[in-house]
Amino acid sequence: MTGGVQGRLERIEAELGGLPVQSFCTYVVLAMHGLTRLELYDLLSSNVDLMTRLGVSAGFPPLLLDRIIEALGKKL
């Protein structure tokens, strides 16, 4: 692992899972004017591949979303 932003993202992915963190970051980067927490939750919950790999069907785990947001902190 390296330092800086890349290193931080690698550590967050190792702790919380690569696919959820990558999906979250992809949506944030693609949003021109930002996204609310509810919009992020809806986007993540509608990602069928992500939901299948997480083994959930009732929506993206809210606690995982909170942990990703908290882990990224001021980087958002």
N, C-alpha and C. Protein backbone atom coordinates (compact mmCIF):
# COMPACT_ATOMS: atom_id res chain seq x y z
N MET A 1 0.84 -1.18 0.00
CA MET A 1 0.00 0.00 0.00
C MET A 1 0.88 1.25 0.00
N THR A 2 0.37 2.26 -0.61
CA THR A 2 1.10 3.51 -0.69
C THR A 2 0.41 4.56 0.15
N GLY A 3 1.01 5.74 0.23
CA GLY A 3 0.42 6.83 0.98
C GLY A 3 -0.51 7.65 0.11
N GLY A 4 -0.93 8.75 0.64
CA GLY A 4 -1.79 9.67 -0.09
C GLY A 4 -3.20 9.14 -0.30
N VAL A 5 -3.88 9.71 -1.26
CA VAL A 5 -5.27 9.35 -1.54
C VAL A 5 -5.38 7.90 -1.97
N GLN A 6 -4.48 7.45 -2.84
CA GLN A 6 -4.52 6.07 -3.32
C GLN A 6 -4.39 5.09 -2.15
N GLY A 7 -3.45 5.35 -1.27
CA GLY A 7 -3.25 4.48 -0.11
C GLY A 7 -4.45 4.47 0.81
N ARG A 8 -5.04 5.63 1.00
CA ARG A 8 -6.24 5.71 1.86
C ARG A 8 -7.38 4.91 1.26
N LEU A 9 -7.61 5.06 -0.04
CA LEU A 9 -8.67 4.31 -0.70
C LEU A 9 -8.42 2.80 -0.62
N GLU A 10 -7.18 2.39 -0.77
CA GLU A 10 -6.85 0.97 -0.67
C GLU A 10 -7.14 0.44 0.73
N ARG A 11 -6.83 1.22 1.75
CA ARG A 11 -7.11 0.80 3.13
C ARG A 11 -8.61 0.72 3.39
N ILE A 12 -9.36 1.69 2.87
CA ILE A 12 -10.82 1.68 3.04
C ILE A 12 -11.42 0.48 2.32
N GLU A 13 -10.95 0.21 1.10
CA GLU A 13 -11.44 -0.96 0.35
C GLU A 13 -11.12 -2.25 1.09
N ALA A 14 -9.93 -2.35 1.67
CA ALA A 14 -9.54 -3.56 2.40
C ALA A 14 -10.44 -3.77 3.61
N GLU A 15 -10.83 -2.69 4.25
CA GLU A 15 -11.65 -2.77 5.46
C GLU A 15 -13.13 -2.99 5.14
N LEU A 16 -13.66 -2.29 4.14
CA LEU A 16 -15.10 -2.29 3.90
C LEU A 16 -15.52 -3.04 2.64
N GLY A 17 -14.56 -3.45 1.83
CA GLY A 17 -14.87 -4.17 0.60
C GLY A 17 -14.64 -3.31 -0.62
N GLY A 18 -13.96 -3.87 -1.59
CA GLY A 18 -13.62 -3.12 -2.79
C GLY A 18 -14.81 -2.69 -3.61
N LEU A 19 -15.73 -3.60 -3.87
CA LEU A 19 -16.86 -3.28 -4.74
C LEU A 19 -17.78 -2.20 -4.16
N PRO A 20 -18.17 -2.27 -2.88
CA PRO A 20 -19.02 -1.20 -2.35
C PRO A 20 -18.34 0.17 -2.37
N VAL A 21 -17.06 0.20 -2.01
CA VAL A 21 -16.34 1.48 -1.99
C VAL A 21 -16.16 2.01 -3.40
N GLN A 22 -15.79 1.15 -4.35
CA GLN A 22 -15.62 1.58 -5.73
C GLN A 22 -16.94 2.08 -6.32
N SER A 23 -18.03 1.38 -6.04
CA SER A 23 -19.34 1.80 -6.55
C SER A 23 -19.71 3.17 -5.98
N PHE A 24 -19.53 3.33 -4.67
CA PHE A 24 -19.82 4.61 -4.01
C PHE A 24 -19.02 5.73 -4.66
N CYS A 25 -17.71 5.53 -4.79
CA CYS A 25 -16.84 6.56 -5.35
C CYS A 25 -17.18 6.87 -6.80
N THR A 26 -17.55 5.86 -7.56
CA THR A 26 -17.94 6.07 -8.96
C THR A 26 -19.14 7.00 -9.04
N TYR A 27 -20.16 6.75 -8.23
CA TYR A 27 -21.36 7.59 -8.26
C TYR A 27 -21.04 9.02 -7.83
N VAL A 28 -20.21 9.18 -6.81
CA VAL A 28 -19.85 10.52 -6.34
C VAL A 28 -19.08 11.28 -7.42
N VAL A 29 -18.15 10.61 -8.08
CA VAL A 29 -17.34 11.26 -9.12
C VAL A 29 -18.20 11.66 -10.32
N LEU A 30 -19.16 10.82 -10.68
CA LEU A 30 -19.99 11.10 -11.86
C LEU A 30 -21.07 12.15 -11.63
N ALA A 31 -21.39 12.42 -10.38
CA ALA A 31 -22.44 13.40 -10.07
C ALA A 31 -21.87 14.81 -10.22
N MET A 32 -22.48 15.57 -11.10
CA MET A 32 -21.97 16.92 -11.36
C MET A 32 -22.19 17.86 -10.18
N HIS A 33 -23.29 17.69 -9.48
CA HIS A 33 -23.64 18.62 -8.40
C HIS A 33 -23.77 17.92 -7.06
N GLY A 34 -23.12 16.78 -6.91
CA GLY A 34 -23.18 16.05 -5.65
C GLY A 34 -24.44 15.21 -5.54
N LEU A 35 -24.48 14.41 -4.50
CA LEU A 35 -25.62 13.53 -4.24
C LEU A 35 -25.94 13.57 -2.76
N THR A 36 -27.21 13.46 -2.45
CA THR A 36 -27.60 13.34 -1.05
C THR A 36 -27.35 11.91 -0.60
N ARG A 37 -27.38 11.70 0.69
CA ARG A 37 -27.21 10.36 1.24
C ARG A 37 -28.29 9.43 0.70
N LEU A 38 -29.52 9.92 0.62
CA LEU A 38 -30.64 9.11 0.12
C LEU A 38 -30.44 8.76 -1.36
N GLU A 39 -29.96 9.70 -2.15
CA GLU A 39 -29.70 9.41 -3.56
C GLU A 39 -28.59 8.36 -3.71
N LEU A 40 -27.55 8.47 -2.90
CA LEU A 40 -26.48 7.45 -2.92
C LEU A 40 -27.03 6.09 -2.52
N TYR A 41 -27.86 6.07 -1.49
CA TYR A 41 -28.47 4.81 -1.04
C TYR A 41 -29.30 4.19 -2.16
N ASP A 42 -30.11 5.00 -2.83
CA ASP A 42 -30.95 4.50 -3.93
C ASP A 42 -30.09 3.96 -5.08
N LEU A 43 -29.05 4.69 -5.45
CA LEU A 43 -28.17 4.23 -6.53
C LEU A 43 -27.49 2.92 -6.17
N LEU A 44 -26.94 2.84 -4.98
CA LEU A 44 -26.27 1.61 -4.55
C LEU A 44 -27.25 0.45 -4.46
N SER A 45 -28.46 0.72 -3.98
CA SER A 45 -29.48 -0.33 -3.84
C SER A 45 -29.97 -0.83 -5.19
N SER A 46 -29.90 0.02 -6.22
CA SER A 46 -30.37 -0.39 -7.55
C SER A 46 -29.29 -1.09 -8.37
N ASN A 47 -28.08 -1.17 -7.84
CA ASN A 47 -26.97 -1.84 -8.52
C ASN A 47 -27.10 -3.34 -8.26
N VAL A 48 -27.69 -4.06 -9.20
CA VAL A 48 -28.00 -5.48 -9.03
C VAL A 48 -26.75 -6.31 -8.77
N ASP A 49 -25.68 -6.06 -9.52
CA ASP A 49 -24.44 -6.81 -9.32
C ASP A 49 -23.90 -6.61 -7.91
N LEU A 50 -23.89 -5.39 -7.45
CA LEU A 50 -23.41 -5.08 -6.10
C LEU A 50 -24.27 -5.78 -5.05
N MET A 51 -25.58 -5.68 -5.20
CA MET A 51 -26.49 -6.29 -4.22
C MET A 51 -26.32 -7.81 -4.19
N THR A 52 -26.14 -8.42 -5.36
CA THR A 52 -25.94 -9.87 -5.43
C THR A 52 -24.64 -10.26 -4.74
N ARG A 53 -23.58 -9.53 -5.01
CA ARG A 53 -22.28 -9.86 -4.40
C ARG A 53 -22.28 -9.64 -2.90
N LEU A 54 -23.08 -8.68 -2.43
CA LEU A 54 -23.18 -8.45 -0.99
C LEU A 54 -24.11 -9.46 -0.33
N GLY A 55 -24.93 -10.14 -1.14
CA GLY A 55 -25.85 -11.13 -0.61
C GLY A 55 -27.05 -10.54 0.09
N VAL A 56 -27.47 -9.36 -0.35
CA VAL A 56 -28.65 -8.70 0.24
C VAL A 56 -29.67 -8.42 -0.85
N SER A 57 -30.93 -8.33 -0.45
CA SER A 57 -31.96 -8.06 -1.45
C SER A 57 -32.86 -6.89 -1.06
N ALA A 58 -32.80 -6.46 0.18
CA ALA A 58 -33.72 -5.43 0.66
C ALA A 58 -33.13 -4.02 0.59
N GLY A 59 -32.00 -3.86 -0.02
CA GLY A 59 -31.38 -2.54 -0.12
C GLY A 59 -29.96 -2.58 0.40
N PHE A 60 -29.19 -1.62 -0.04
CA PHE A 60 -27.79 -1.52 0.39
C PHE A 60 -27.76 -1.35 1.91
N PRO A 61 -26.86 -2.04 2.59
CA PRO A 61 -26.81 -1.94 4.05
C PRO A 61 -26.51 -0.51 4.52
N PRO A 62 -27.46 0.13 5.20
CA PRO A 62 -27.28 1.53 5.62
C PRO A 62 -26.04 1.74 6.49
N LEU A 63 -25.73 0.78 7.34
CA LEU A 63 -24.56 0.90 8.19
C LEU A 63 -23.27 0.92 7.37
N LEU A 64 -23.24 0.13 6.30
CA LEU A 64 -22.07 0.11 5.42
C LEU A 64 -21.93 1.45 4.71
N LEU A 65 -23.05 2.03 4.28
CA LEU A 65 -23.02 3.34 3.64
C LEU A 65 -22.46 4.38 4.62
N ASP A 66 -22.93 4.35 5.86
CA ASP A 66 -22.43 5.28 6.87
C ASP A 66 -20.93 5.10 7.11
N ARG A 67 -20.48 3.85 7.14
CA ARG A 67 -19.06 3.58 7.37
C ARG A 67 -18.20 4.08 6.21
N ILE A 68 -18.70 3.93 4.97
CA ILE A 68 -17.95 4.43 3.81
C ILE A 68 -17.85 5.95 3.87
N ILE A 69 -18.98 6.60 4.14
CA ILE A 69 -18.99 8.07 4.23
C ILE A 69 -18.04 8.53 5.33
N GLU A 70 -18.10 7.88 6.48
CA GLU A 70 -17.23 8.25 7.60
C GLU A 70 -15.76 8.00 7.26
N ALA A 71 -15.47 6.88 6.60
CA ALA A 71 -14.08 6.55 6.27
C ALA A 71 -13.49 7.55 5.28
N LEU A 72 -14.30 8.01 4.34
CA LEU A 72 -13.80 8.98 3.36
C LEU A 72 -13.67 10.37 3.97
N GLY A 73 -14.50 10.65 4.96
CA GLY A 73 -14.41 11.89 5.71
C GLY A 73 -14.35 13.13 4.85
N LYS A 74 -13.36 13.94 5.09
CA LYS A 74 -13.22 15.22 4.40
C LYS A 74 -12.81 15.08 2.95
N LYS A 75 -12.47 13.85 2.53
CA LYS A 75 -12.08 13.63 1.13
C LYS A 75 -13.28 13.79 0.19
N LEU A 76 -14.49 13.73 0.75
CA LEU A 76 -15.67 13.92 -0.08
C LEU A 76 -15.77 15.38 -0.43
